[in-house]
Amino acid sequence: MIDQLVCLTLIVPHRLRDEVFDHLAEQSDLVSGFTATPGSGHGTEVRLHTAAERVKGHADQTVVQVVLAGKDASRLLDRLRVSFAGTKLVYWTTQVMELGRID
């Protein structure tokens, strides 16, 4: 049976962006690449770390998405839990129905 592909989405506070990018790049046995886009965190659970964020009313964040096998996503999450313990990174996984490239 083939392991189902998933998309692991991480919500990364701006202050941890480079550190998370470096960490993902070091996980070459699991991660062949990832996509990152700017995001704005809103809500009661979102920490506003800087004065600028408090004025704007939202946290500057980066949305990171990695598509990989489900078992590899579990392994990557285990590594992230060790390396980023206490940072309250938010994540979720979604099933990927199809992945391809249009040439």
PDB file of N, CA and C in Angstrom:
ATOM      1  N   MET A   1       0.837  -1.186   0.000  1.00  0.00           N
ATOM      2  CA  MET A   1       0.000   0.000   0.000  1.00  0.00           C
ATOM      3  C   MET A   1       0.882   1.251   0.000  1.00  0.00           C
ATOM      4  N   ILE A   2       0.539   2.207  -0.835  1.00  0.00           N
ATOM      5  CA  ILE A   2       1.304   3.446  -0.936  1.00  0.00           C
ATOM      6  C   ILE A   2       0.860   4.398   0.169  1.00  0.00           C
ATOM      7  N   ASP A   3       1.832   5.012   0.839  1.00  0.00           N
ATOM      8  CA  ASP A   3       1.539   5.989   1.899  1.00  0.00           C
ATOM      9  C   ASP A   3       0.900   7.227   1.270  1.00  0.00           C
ATOM     10  N   GLN A   4      -0.215   7.662   1.811  1.00  0.00           N
ATOM     11  CA  GLN A   4      -0.953   8.815   1.318  1.00  0.00           C
ATOM     12  C   GLN A   4      -0.120  10.092   1.444  1.00  0.00           C
ATOM     13  N   LEU A   5      -0.151  10.917   0.399  1.00  0.00           N
ATOM     14  CA  LEU A   5       0.500  12.228   0.471  1.00  0.00           C
ATOM     15  C   LEU A   5      -0.337  13.174   1.317  1.00  0.00           C
ATOM     16  N   VAL A   6       0.335  14.007   2.087  1.00  0.00           N
ATOM     17  CA  VAL A   6      -0.330  15.045   2.871  1.00  0.00           C
ATOM     18  C   VAL A   6       0.388  16.362   2.647  1.00  0.00           C
ATOM     19  N   CYS A   7      -0.322  17.422   2.920  1.00  0.00           N
ATOM     20  CA  CYS A   7       0.288  18.747   2.943  1.00  0.00           C
ATOM     21  C   CYS A   7       0.361  19.170   4.403  1.00  0.00           C
ATOM     22  N   LEU A   8       1.576  19.332   4.888  1.00  0.00           N
ATOM     23  CA  LEU A   8       1.795  19.825   6.247  1.00  0.00           C
ATOM     24  C   LEU A   8       1.907  21.340   6.165  1.00  0.00           C
ATOM     25  N   THR A   9       1.032  22.021   6.868  1.00  0.00           N
ATOM     26  CA  THR A   9       1.041  23.487   6.910  1.00  0.00           C
ATOM     27  C   THR A   9       1.517  23.923   8.287  1.00  0.00           C
ATOM     28  N   LEU A  10       2.497  24.806   8.293  1.00  0.00           N
ATOM     29  CA  LEU A  10       3.024  25.385   9.533  1.00  0.00           C
ATOM     30  C   LEU A  10       2.740  26.877   9.534  1.00  0.00           C
ATOM     31  N   ILE A  11       2.305  27.391  10.668  1.00  0.00           N
ATOM     32  CA  ILE A  11       2.134  28.830  10.837  1.00  0.00           C
ATOM     33  C   ILE A  11       3.297  29.292  11.713  1.00  0.00           C
ATOM     34  N   VAL A  12       4.189  30.065  11.117  1.00  0.00           N
ATOM     35  CA  VAL A  12       5.459  30.401  11.753  1.00  0.00           C
ATOM     36  C   VAL A  12       5.504  31.894  12.086  1.00  0.00           C
ATOM     37  N   PRO A  13       5.702  32.232  13.357  1.00  0.00           N
ATOM     38  CA  PRO A  13       5.880  33.644  13.711  1.00  0.00           C
ATOM     39  C   PRO A  13       7.091  34.225  12.983  1.00  0.00           C
ATOM     40  N   HIS A  14       6.996  35.492  12.622  1.00  0.00           N
ATOM     41  CA  HIS A  14       8.053  36.148  11.860  1.00  0.00           C
ATOM     42  C   HIS A  14       9.430  35.969  12.507  1.00  0.00           C
ATOM     43  N   ARG A  15       9.484  36.021  13.823  1.00  0.00           N
ATOM     44  CA  ARG A  15      10.770  35.932  14.525  1.00  0.00           C
ATOM     45  C   ARG A  15      11.435  34.553  14.382  1.00  0.00           C
ATOM     46  N   LEU A  16      10.664  33.509  14.017  1.00  0.00           N
ATOM     47  CA  LEU A  16      11.209  32.161  13.865  1.00  0.00           C
ATOM     48  C   LEU A  16      11.379  31.741  12.405  1.00  0.00           C
ATOM     49  N   ARG A  17      11.020  32.624  11.493  1.00  0.00           N
ATOM     50  CA  ARG A  17      10.981  32.282  10.068  1.00  0.00           C
ATOM     51  C   ARG A  17      12.296  31.683   9.568  1.00  0.00           C
ATOM     52  N   ASP A  18      13.387  32.387   9.724  1.00  0.00           N
ATOM     53  CA  ASP A  18      14.668  31.918   9.195  1.00  0.00           C
ATOM     54  C   ASP A  18      15.118  30.619   9.861  1.00  0.00           C
ATOM     55  N   GLU A  19      14.872  30.516  11.152  1.00  0.00           N
ATOM     56  CA  GLU A  19      15.253  29.302  11.885  1.00  0.00           C
ATOM     57  C   GLU A  19      14.462  28.081  11.393  1.00  0.00           C
ATOM     58  N   VAL A  20      13.171  28.267  11.141  1.00  0.00           N
ATOM     59  CA  VAL A  20      12.353  27.168  10.621  1.00  0.00           C
ATOM     60  C   VAL A  20      12.788  26.818   9.195  1.00  0.00           C
ATOM     61  N   PHE A  21      13.054  27.820   8.376  1.00  0.00           N
ATOM     62  CA  PHE A  21      13.525  27.563   7.009  1.00  0.00           C
ATOM     63  C   PHE A  21      14.818  26.751   7.039  1.00  0.00           C
ATOM     64  N   ASP A  22      15.742  27.145   7.892  1.00  0.00           N
ATOM     65  CA  ASP A  22      17.010  26.413   7.997  1.00  0.00           C
ATOM     66  C   ASP A  22      16.770  24.972   8.453  1.00  0.00           C
ATOM     67  N   HIS A  23      15.902  24.814   9.435  1.00  0.00           N
ATOM     68  CA  HIS A  23      15.602  23.482   9.957  1.00  0.00           C
ATOM     69  C   HIS A  23      15.011  22.596   8.857  1.00  0.00           C
ATOM     70  N   LEU A  24      14.066  23.119   8.102  1.00  0.00           N
ATOM     71  CA  LEU A  24      13.460  22.338   7.032  1.00  0.00           C
ATOM     72  C   LEU A  24      14.485  21.968   5.964  1.00  0.00           C
ATOM     73  N   ALA A  25      15.370  22.894   5.644  1.00  0.00           N
ATOM     74  CA  ALA A  25      16.408  22.617   4.647  1.00  0.00           C
ATOM     75  C   ALA A  25      17.344  21.505   5.113  1.00  0.00           C
ATOM     76  N   GLU A  26      17.547  21.383   6.422  1.00  0.00           N
ATOM     77  CA  GLU A  26      18.415  20.338   6.974  1.00  0.00           C
ATOM     78  C   GLU A  26      17.749  18.958   6.969  1.00  0.00           C
ATOM     79  N   GLN A  27      16.444  18.912   6.774  1.00  0.00           N
ATOM     80  CA  GLN A  27      15.705  17.644   6.815  1.00  0.00           C
ATOM     81  C   GLN A  27      15.575  17.050   5.408  1.00  0.00           C
ATOM     82  N   SER A  28      16.657  17.010   4.671  1.00  0.00           N
ATOM     83  CA  SER A  28      16.616  16.600   3.268  1.00  0.00           C
ATOM     84  C   SER A  28      16.175  15.145   3.075  1.00  0.00           C
ATOM     85  N   ASP A  29      16.241  14.333   4.121  1.00  0.00           N
ATOM     86  CA  ASP A  29      15.745  12.962   4.001  1.00  0.00           C
ATOM     87  C   ASP A  29      14.220  12.910   3.974  1.00  0.00           C
ATOM     88  N   LEU A  30      13.563  13.982   4.408  1.00  0.00           N
ATOM     89  CA  LEU A  30      12.105  14.033   4.439  1.00  0.00           C
ATOM     90  C   LEU A  30      11.531  15.131   3.535  1.00  0.00           C
ATOM     91  N   VAL A  31      12.218  16.250   3.444  1.00  0.00           N
ATOM     92  CA  VAL A  31      11.693  17.438   2.772  1.00  0.00           C
ATOM     93  C   VAL A  31      12.503  17.714   1.513  1.00  0.00           C
ATOM     94  N   SER A  32      11.834  17.643   0.356  1.00  0.00           N
ATOM     95  CA  SER A  32      12.529  17.952  -0.898  1.00  0.00           C
ATOM     96  C   SER A  32      12.365  19.409  -1.278  1.00  0.00           C
ATOM     97  N   GLY A  33      11.455  20.102  -0.629  1.00  0.00           N
ATOM     98  CA  GLY A  33      11.215  21.524  -0.874  1.00  0.00           C
ATOM     99  C   GLY A  33       9.974  21.963  -0.131  1.00  0.00           C
ATOM    100  N   PHE A  34       9.741  23.251  -0.086  1.00  0.00           N
ATOM    101  CA  PHE A  34       8.556  23.772   0.584  1.00  0.00           C
ATOM    102  C   PHE A  34       8.198  25.122   0.000  1.00  0.00           C
ATOM    103  N   THR A  35       6.992  25.556   0.272  1.00  0.00           N
ATOM    104  CA  THR A  35       6.496  26.849  -0.190  1.00  0.00           C
ATOM    105  C   THR A  35       6.204  27.705   1.035  1.00  0.00           C
ATOM    106  N   ALA A  36       6.574  28.976   0.959  1.00  0.00           N
ATOM    107  CA  ALA A  36       6.313  29.897   2.065  1.00  0.00           C
ATOM    108  C   ALA A  36       5.665  31.163   1.527  1.00  0.00           C
ATOM    109  N   THR A  37       4.644  31.613   2.229  1.00  0.00           N
ATOM    110  CA  THR A  37       3.953  32.850   1.864  1.00  0.00           C
ATOM    111  C   THR A  37       3.721  33.676   3.121  1.00  0.00           C
ATOM    112  N   PRO A  38       3.682  35.009   2.966  1.00  0.00           N
ATOM    113  CA  PRO A  38       3.407  35.853   4.132  1.00  0.00           C
ATOM    114  C   PRO A  38       1.975  35.644   4.622  1.00  0.00           C
ATOM    115  N   GLY A  39       1.791  35.781   5.917  1.00  0.00           N
ATOM    116  CA  GLY A  39       0.465  35.645   6.502  1.00  0.00           C
ATOM    117  C   GLY A  39       0.278  36.626   7.639  1.00  0.00           C
ATOM    118  N   SER A  40      -0.971  36.797   8.025  1.00  0.00           N
ATOM    119  CA  SER A  40      -1.331  37.673   9.140  1.00  0.00           C
ATOM    120  C   SER A  40      -2.175  36.879  10.111  1.00  0.00           C
ATOM    121  N   GLY A  41      -1.692  36.739  11.343  1.00  0.00           N
ATOM    122  CA  GLY A  41      -2.415  35.983  12.355  1.00  0.00           C
ATOM    123  C   GLY A  41      -3.394  36.849  13.114  1.00  0.00           C
ATOM    124  N   HIS A  42      -4.633  36.392  13.194  1.00  0.00           N
ATOM    125  CA  HIS A  42      -5.693  37.098  13.911  1.00  0.00           C
ATOM    126  C   HIS A  42      -6.339  36.143  14.896  1.00  0.00           C
ATOM    127  N   GLY A  43      -6.817  36.659  16.015  1.00  0.00           N
ATOM    128  CA  GLY A  43      -7.580  35.836  16.942  1.00  0.00           C
ATOM    129  C   GLY A  43      -7.062  35.908  18.358  1.00  0.00           C
ATOM    130  N   THR A  44      -7.836  35.321  19.250  1.00  0.00           N
ATOM    131  CA  THR A  44      -7.518  35.399  20.676  1.00  0.00           C
ATOM    132  C   THR A  44      -6.282  34.586  21.044  1.00  0.00           C
ATOM    133  N   GLU A  45      -5.939  33.567  20.263  1.00  0.00           N
ATOM    134  CA  GLU A  45      -4.786  32.718  20.560  1.00  0.00           C
ATOM    135  C   GLU A  45      -3.485  33.254  19.960  1.00  0.00           C
ATOM    136  N   VAL A  46      -3.566  34.295  19.141  1.00  0.00           N
ATOM    137  CA  VAL A  46      -2.393  34.817  18.431  1.00  0.00           C
ATOM    138  C   VAL A  46      -1.636  35.785  19.335  1.00  0.00           C
ATOM    139  N   ARG A  47      -0.328  35.561  19.445  1.00  0.00           N
ATOM    140  CA  ARG A  47       0.531  36.445  20.238  1.00  0.00           C
ATOM    141  C   ARG A  47       1.018  37.607  19.374  1.00  0.00           C
ATOM    142  N   LEU A  48       0.854  38.817  19.874  1.00  0.00           N
ATOM    143  CA  LEU A  48       1.371  40.008  19.198  1.00  0.00           C
ATOM    144  C   LEU A  48       2.673  40.380  19.896  1.00  0.00           C
ATOM    145  N   HIS A  49       3.817  40.078  19.231  1.00  0.00           N
ATOM    146  CA  HIS A  49       5.126  40.180  19.860  1.00  0.00           C
ATOM    147  C   HIS A  49       5.728  41.576  19.838  1.00  0.00           C
ATOM    148  N   THR A  50       5.387  42.370  18.848  1.00  0.00           N
ATOM    149  CA  THR A  50       6.033  43.676  18.713  1.00  0.00           C
ATOM    150  C   THR A  50       4.996  44.786  18.855  1.00  0.00           C
ATOM    151  N   ALA A  51       5.509  45.991  19.090  1.00  0.00           N
ATOM    152  CA  ALA A  51       4.622  47.153  19.162  1.00  0.00           C
ATOM    153  C   ALA A  51       3.897  47.354  17.836  1.00  0.00           C
ATOM    154  N   ALA A  52       4.598  47.126  16.739  1.00  0.00           N
ATOM    155  CA  ALA A  52       3.977  47.281  15.416  1.00  0.00           C
ATOM    156  C   ALA A  52       2.818  46.303  15.235  1.00  0.00           C
ATOM    157  N   GLU A  53       2.987  45.068  15.699  1.00  0.00           N
ATOM    158  CA  GLU A  53       1.910  44.090  15.597  1.00  0.00           C
ATOM    159  C   GLU A  53       0.719  44.503  16.457  1.00  0.00           C
ATOM    160  N   ARG A  54       0.996  45.039  17.640  1.00  0.00           N
ATOM    161  CA  ARG A  54      -0.101  45.477  18.512  1.00  0.00           C
ATOM    162  C   ARG A  54      -0.867  46.634  17.880  1.00  0.00           C
ATOM    163  N   VAL A  55      -0.165  47.538  17.217  1.00  0.00           N
ATOM    164  CA  VAL A  55      -0.830  48.659  16.544  1.00  0.00           C
ATOM    165  C   VAL A  55      -1.663  48.144  15.366  1.00  0.00           C
ATOM    166  N   LYS A  56      -1.084  47.234  14.579  1.00  0.00           N
ATOM    167  CA  LYS A  56      -1.789  46.694  13.411  1.00  0.00           C
ATOM    168  C   LYS A  56      -2.937  45.770  13.813  1.00  0.00           C
ATOM    169  N   GLY A  57      -2.804  45.125  14.978  1.00  0.00           N
ATOM    170  CA  GLY A  57      -3.843  44.213  15.441  1.00  0.00           C
ATOM    171  C   GLY A  57      -3.731  42.803  14.889  1.00  0.00           C
ATOM    172  N   HIS A  58      -2.594  42.489  14.301  1.00  0.00           N
ATOM    173  CA  HIS A  58      -2.360  41.122  13.840  1.00  0.00           C
ATOM    174  C   HIS A  58      -0.872  40.806  13.893  1.00  0.00           C
ATOM    175  N   ALA A  59      -0.572  39.524  13.933  1.00  0.00           N
ATOM    176  CA  ALA A  59       0.815  39.077  14.001  1.00  0.00           C
ATOM    177  C   ALA A  59       1.340  38.795  12.595  1.00  0.00           C
ATOM    178  N   ASP A  60       2.559  39.225  12.344  1.00  0.00           N
ATOM    179  CA  ASP A  60       3.223  38.901  11.083  1.00  0.00           C
ATOM    180  C   ASP A  60       3.686  37.450  11.160  1.00  0.00           C
ATOM    181  N   GLN A  61       3.235  36.652  10.220  1.00  0.00           N
ATOM    182  CA  GLN A  61       3.536  35.236  10.221  1.00  0.00           C
ATOM    183  C   GLN A  61       3.904  34.787   8.810  1.00  0.00           C
ATOM    184  N   THR A  62       4.417  33.569   8.731  1.00  0.00           N
ATOM    185  CA  THR A  62       4.684  32.943   7.450  1.00  0.00           C
ATOM    186  C   THR A  62       3.954  31.609   7.422  1.00  0.00           C
ATOM    187  N   VAL A  63       3.278  31.358   6.315  1.00  0.00           N
ATOM    188  CA  VAL A  63       2.592  30.091   6.102  1.00  0.00           C
ATOM    189  C   VAL A  63       3.524  29.216   5.275  1.00  0.00           C
ATOM    190  N   VAL A  64       3.936  28.086   5.842  1.00  0.00           N
ATOM    191  CA  VAL A  64       4.859  27.166   5.178  1.00  0.00           C
ATOM    192  C   VAL A  64       4.098  25.890   4.849  1.00  0.00           C
ATOM    193  N   GLN A  65       4.206  25.441   3.609  1.00  0.00           N
ATOM    194  CA  GLN A  65       3.538  24.213   3.201  1.00  0.00           C
ATOM    195  C   GLN A  65       4.556  23.241   2.611  1.00  0.00           C
ATOM    196  N   VAL A  66       4.455  21.995   3.075  1.00  0.00           N
ATOM    197  CA  VAL A  66       5.330  20.916   2.622  1.00  0.00           C
ATOM    198  C   VAL A  66       4.448  19.739   2.231  1.00  0.00           C
ATOM    199  N   VAL A  67       4.618  19.226   1.023  1.00  0.00           N
ATOM    200  CA  VAL A  67       3.889  18.029   0.607  1.00  0.00           C
ATOM    201  C   VAL A  67       4.836  16.846   0.738  1.00  0.00           C
ATOM    202  N   LEU A  68       4.385  15.827   1.462  1.00  0.00           N
ATOM    203  CA  LEU A  68       5.210  14.644   1.697  1.00  0.00           C
ATOM    204  C   LEU A  68       4.324  13.481   2.119  1.00  0.00           C
ATOM    205  N   ALA A  69       4.905  12.302   2.178  1.00  0.00           N
ATOM    206  CA  ALA A  69       4.159  11.125   2.617  1.00  0.00           C
ATOM    207  C   ALA A  69       3.715  11.305   4.068  1.00  0.00           C
ATOM    208  N   GLY A  70       2.565  10.738   4.400  1.00  0.00           N
ATOM    209  CA  GLY A  70       2.023  10.882   5.749  1.00  0.00           C
ATOM    210  C   GLY A  70       2.986  10.435   6.833  1.00  0.00           C
ATOM    211  N   LYS A  71       3.660   9.301   6.628  1.00  0.00           N
ATOM    212  CA  LYS A  71       4.611   8.824   7.648  1.00  0.00           C
ATOM    213  C   LYS A  71       5.792   9.785   7.785  1.00  0.00           C
ATOM    214  N   ASP A  72       6.197  10.406   6.679  1.00  0.00           N
ATOM    215  CA  ASP A  72       7.283  11.386   6.749  1.00  0.00           C
ATOM    216  C   ASP A  72       6.839  12.667   7.442  1.00  0.00           C
ATOM    217  N   ALA A  73       5.574  13.029   7.256  1.00  0.00           N
ATOM    218  CA  ALA A  73       5.039  14.205   7.961  1.00  0.00           C
ATOM    219  C   ALA A  73       5.077  13.964   9.468  1.00  0.00           C
ATOM    220  N   SER A  74       4.741  12.754   9.896  1.00  0.00           N
ATOM    221  CA  SER A  74       4.792  12.422  11.327  1.00  0.00           C
ATOM    222  C   SER A  74       6.221  12.515  11.855  1.00  0.00           C
ATOM    223  N   ARG A  75       7.166  12.009  11.078  1.00  0.00           N
ATOM    224  CA  ARG A  75       8.570  12.074  11.490  1.00  0.00           C
ATOM    225  C   ARG A  75       9.049  13.527  11.551  1.00  0.00           C
ATOM    226  N   LEU A  76       8.661  14.330  10.562  1.00  0.00           N
ATOM    227  CA  LEU A  76       9.061  15.738  10.555  1.00  0.00           C
ATOM    228  C   LEU A  76       8.454  16.471  11.750  1.00  0.00           C
ATOM    229  N   LEU A  77       7.198  16.200  12.056  1.00  0.00           N
ATOM    230  CA  LEU A  77       6.570  16.835  13.221  1.00  0.00           C
ATOM    231  C   LEU A  77       7.279  16.454  14.511  1.00  0.00           C
ATOM    232  N   ASP A  78       7.721  15.204  14.628  1.00  0.00           N
ATOM    233  CA  ASP A  78       8.481  14.794  15.808  1.00  0.00           C
ATOM    234  C   ASP A  78       9.756  15.626  15.940  1.00  0.00           C
ATOM    235  N   ARG A  79      10.434  15.843  14.840  1.00  0.00           N
ATOM    236  CA  ARG A  79      11.670  16.642  14.861  1.00  0.00           C
ATOM    237  C   ARG A  79      11.379  18.103  15.181  1.00  0.00           C
ATOM    238  N   LEU A  80      10.299  18.628  14.623  1.00  0.00           N
ATOM    239  CA  LEU A  80       9.924  20.019  14.913  1.00  0.00           C
ATOM    240  C   LEU A  80       9.564  20.181  16.387  1.00  0.00           C
ATOM    241  N   ARG A  81       8.895  19.191  16.962  1.00  0.00           N
ATOM    242  CA  ARG A  81       8.535  19.259  18.386  1.00  0.00           C
ATOM    243  C   ARG A  81       9.774  19.341  19.271  1.00  0.00           C
ATOM    244  N   VAL A  82      10.834  18.649  18.878  1.00  0.00           N
ATOM    245  CA  VAL A  82      12.077  18.693  19.647  1.00  0.00           C
ATOM    246  C   VAL A  82      12.777  20.036  19.448  1.00  0.00           C
ATOM    247  N   SER A  83      12.920  20.447  18.204  1.00  0.00           N
ATOM    248  CA  SER A  83      13.688  21.656  17.894  1.00  0.00           C
ATOM    249  C   SER A  83      12.967  22.948  18.251  1.00  0.00           C
ATOM    250  N   PHE A  84      11.638  22.930  18.261  1.00  0.00           N
ATOM    251  CA  PHE A  84      10.880  24.157  18.504  1.00  0.00           C
ATOM    252  C   PHE A  84       9.938  24.022  19.699  1.00  0.00           C
ATOM    253  N   ALA A  85      10.344  23.223  20.664  1.00  0.00           N
ATOM    254  CA  ALA A  85       9.544  23.050  21.883  1.00  0.00           C
ATOM    255  C   ALA A  85       9.306  24.413  22.541  1.00  0.00           C
ATOM    256  N   GLY A  86       8.085  24.625  22.969  1.00  0.00           N
ATOM    257  CA  GLY A  86       7.750  25.860  23.671  1.00  0.00           C
ATOM    258  C   GLY A  86       7.419  27.048  22.783  1.00  0.00           C
ATOM    259  N   THR A  87       7.557  26.912  21.474  1.00  0.00           N
ATOM    260  CA  THR A  87       7.312  28.047  20.577  1.00  0.00           C
ATOM    261  C   THR A  87       5.858  28.175  20.152  1.00  0.00           C
ATOM    262  N   LYS A  88       5.063  27.161  20.427  1.00  0.00           N
ATOM    263  CA  LYS A  88       3.635  27.166  20.095  1.00  0.00           C
ATOM    264  C   LYS A  88       3.371  27.277  18.596  1.00  0.00           C
ATOM    265  N   LEU A  89       4.251  26.659  17.778  1.00  0.00           N
ATOM    266  CA  LEU A  89       3.990  26.619  16.338  1.00  0.00           C
ATOM    267  C   LEU A  89       2.652  25.933  16.088  1.00  0.00           C
ATOM    268  N   VAL A  90       1.875  26.493  15.208  1.00  0.00           N
ATOM    269  CA  VAL A  90       0.592  25.904  14.830  1.00  0.00           C
ATOM    270  C   VAL A  90       0.806  25.117  13.546  1.00  0.00           C
ATOM    271  N   TYR A  91       0.168  23.943  13.454  1.00  0.00           N
ATOM    272  CA  TYR A  91       0.290  23.143  12.235  1.00  0.00           C
ATOM    273  C   TYR A  91      -0.998  22.373  11.993  1.00  0.00           C
ATOM    274  N   TRP A  92      -1.163  21.912  10.769  1.00  0.00           N
ATOM    275  CA  TRP A  92      -2.203  20.969  10.431  1.00  0.00           C
ATOM    276  C   TRP A  92      -1.781  20.224   9.175  1.00  0.00           C
ATOM    277  N   THR A  93      -2.412  19.088   8.953  1.00  0.00           N
ATOM    278  CA  THR A  93      -2.166  18.337   7.728  1.00  0.00           C
ATOM    279  C   THR A  93      -3.483  18.174   6.987  1.00  0.00           C
ATOM    280  N   THR A  94      -3.379  18.151   5.669  1.00  0.00           N
ATOM    281  CA  THR A  94      -4.524  17.876   4.815  1.00  0.00           C
ATOM    282  C   THR A  94      -4.118  16.833   3.789  1.00  0.00           C
ATOM    283  N   GLN A  95      -5.056  16.036   3.399  1.00  0.00           N
ATOM    284  CA  GLN A  95      -4.791  14.992   2.420  1.00  0.00           C
ATOM    285  C   GLN A  95      -4.598  15.624   1.043  1.00  0.00           C
ATOM    286  N   VAL A  96      -3.611  15.135   0.312  1.00  0.00           N
ATOM    287  CA  VAL A  96      -3.364  15.595  -1.055  1.00  0.00           C
ATOM    288  C   VAL A  96      -3.938  14.545  -1.997  1.00  0.00           C
ATOM    289  N   MET A  97      -4.896  14.937  -2.800  1.00  0.00           N
ATOM    290  CA  MET A  97      -5.541  14.000  -3.706  1.00  0.00           C
ATOM    291  C   MET A  97      -4.713  13.761  -4.963  1.00  0.00           C
ATOM    292  N   GLU A  98      -3.998  14.779  -5.387  1.00  0.00           N
ATOM    293  CA  GLU A  98      -3.216  14.654  -6.603  1.00  0.00           C
ATOM    294  C   GLU A  98      -2.069  15.652  -6.537  1.00  0.00           C
ATOM    295  N   LEU A  99      -0.926  15.241  -7.052  1.00  0.00           N
ATOM    296  CA  LEU A  99       0.247  16.112  -7.136  1.00  0.00           C
ATOM    297  C   LEU A  99       0.893  15.880  -8.490  1.00  0.00           C
ATOM    298  N   GLY A 100       1.174  16.939  -9.190  1.00  0.00           N
ATOM    299  CA  GLY A 100       1.786  16.793 -10.504  1.00  0.00           C
ATOM    300  C   GLY A 100       2.471  18.079 -10.924  1.00  0.00           C
ATOM    301  N   ARG A 101       2.948  18.053 -12.137  1.00  0.00           N
ATOM    302  CA  ARG A 101       3.633  19.207 -12.710  1.00  0.00           C
ATOM    303  C   ARG A 101       3.112  19.380 -14.126  1.00  0.00           C
ATOM    304  N   ILE A 102       2.764  20.588 -14.476  1.00  0.00           N
ATOM    305  CA  ILE A 102       2.305  20.879 -15.829  1.00  0.00           C
ATOM    306  C   ILE A 102       3.482  21.424 -16.613  1.00  0.00           C
ATOM    307  N   ASP A 103       3.944  20.647 -17.591  1.00  0.00           N
ATOM    308  CA  ASP A 103       5.101  21.043 -18.405  1.00  0.00           C
ATOM    309  C   ASP A 103       4.659  21.693 -19.684  1.00  0.00           C
TER     310      ASP A 103
END
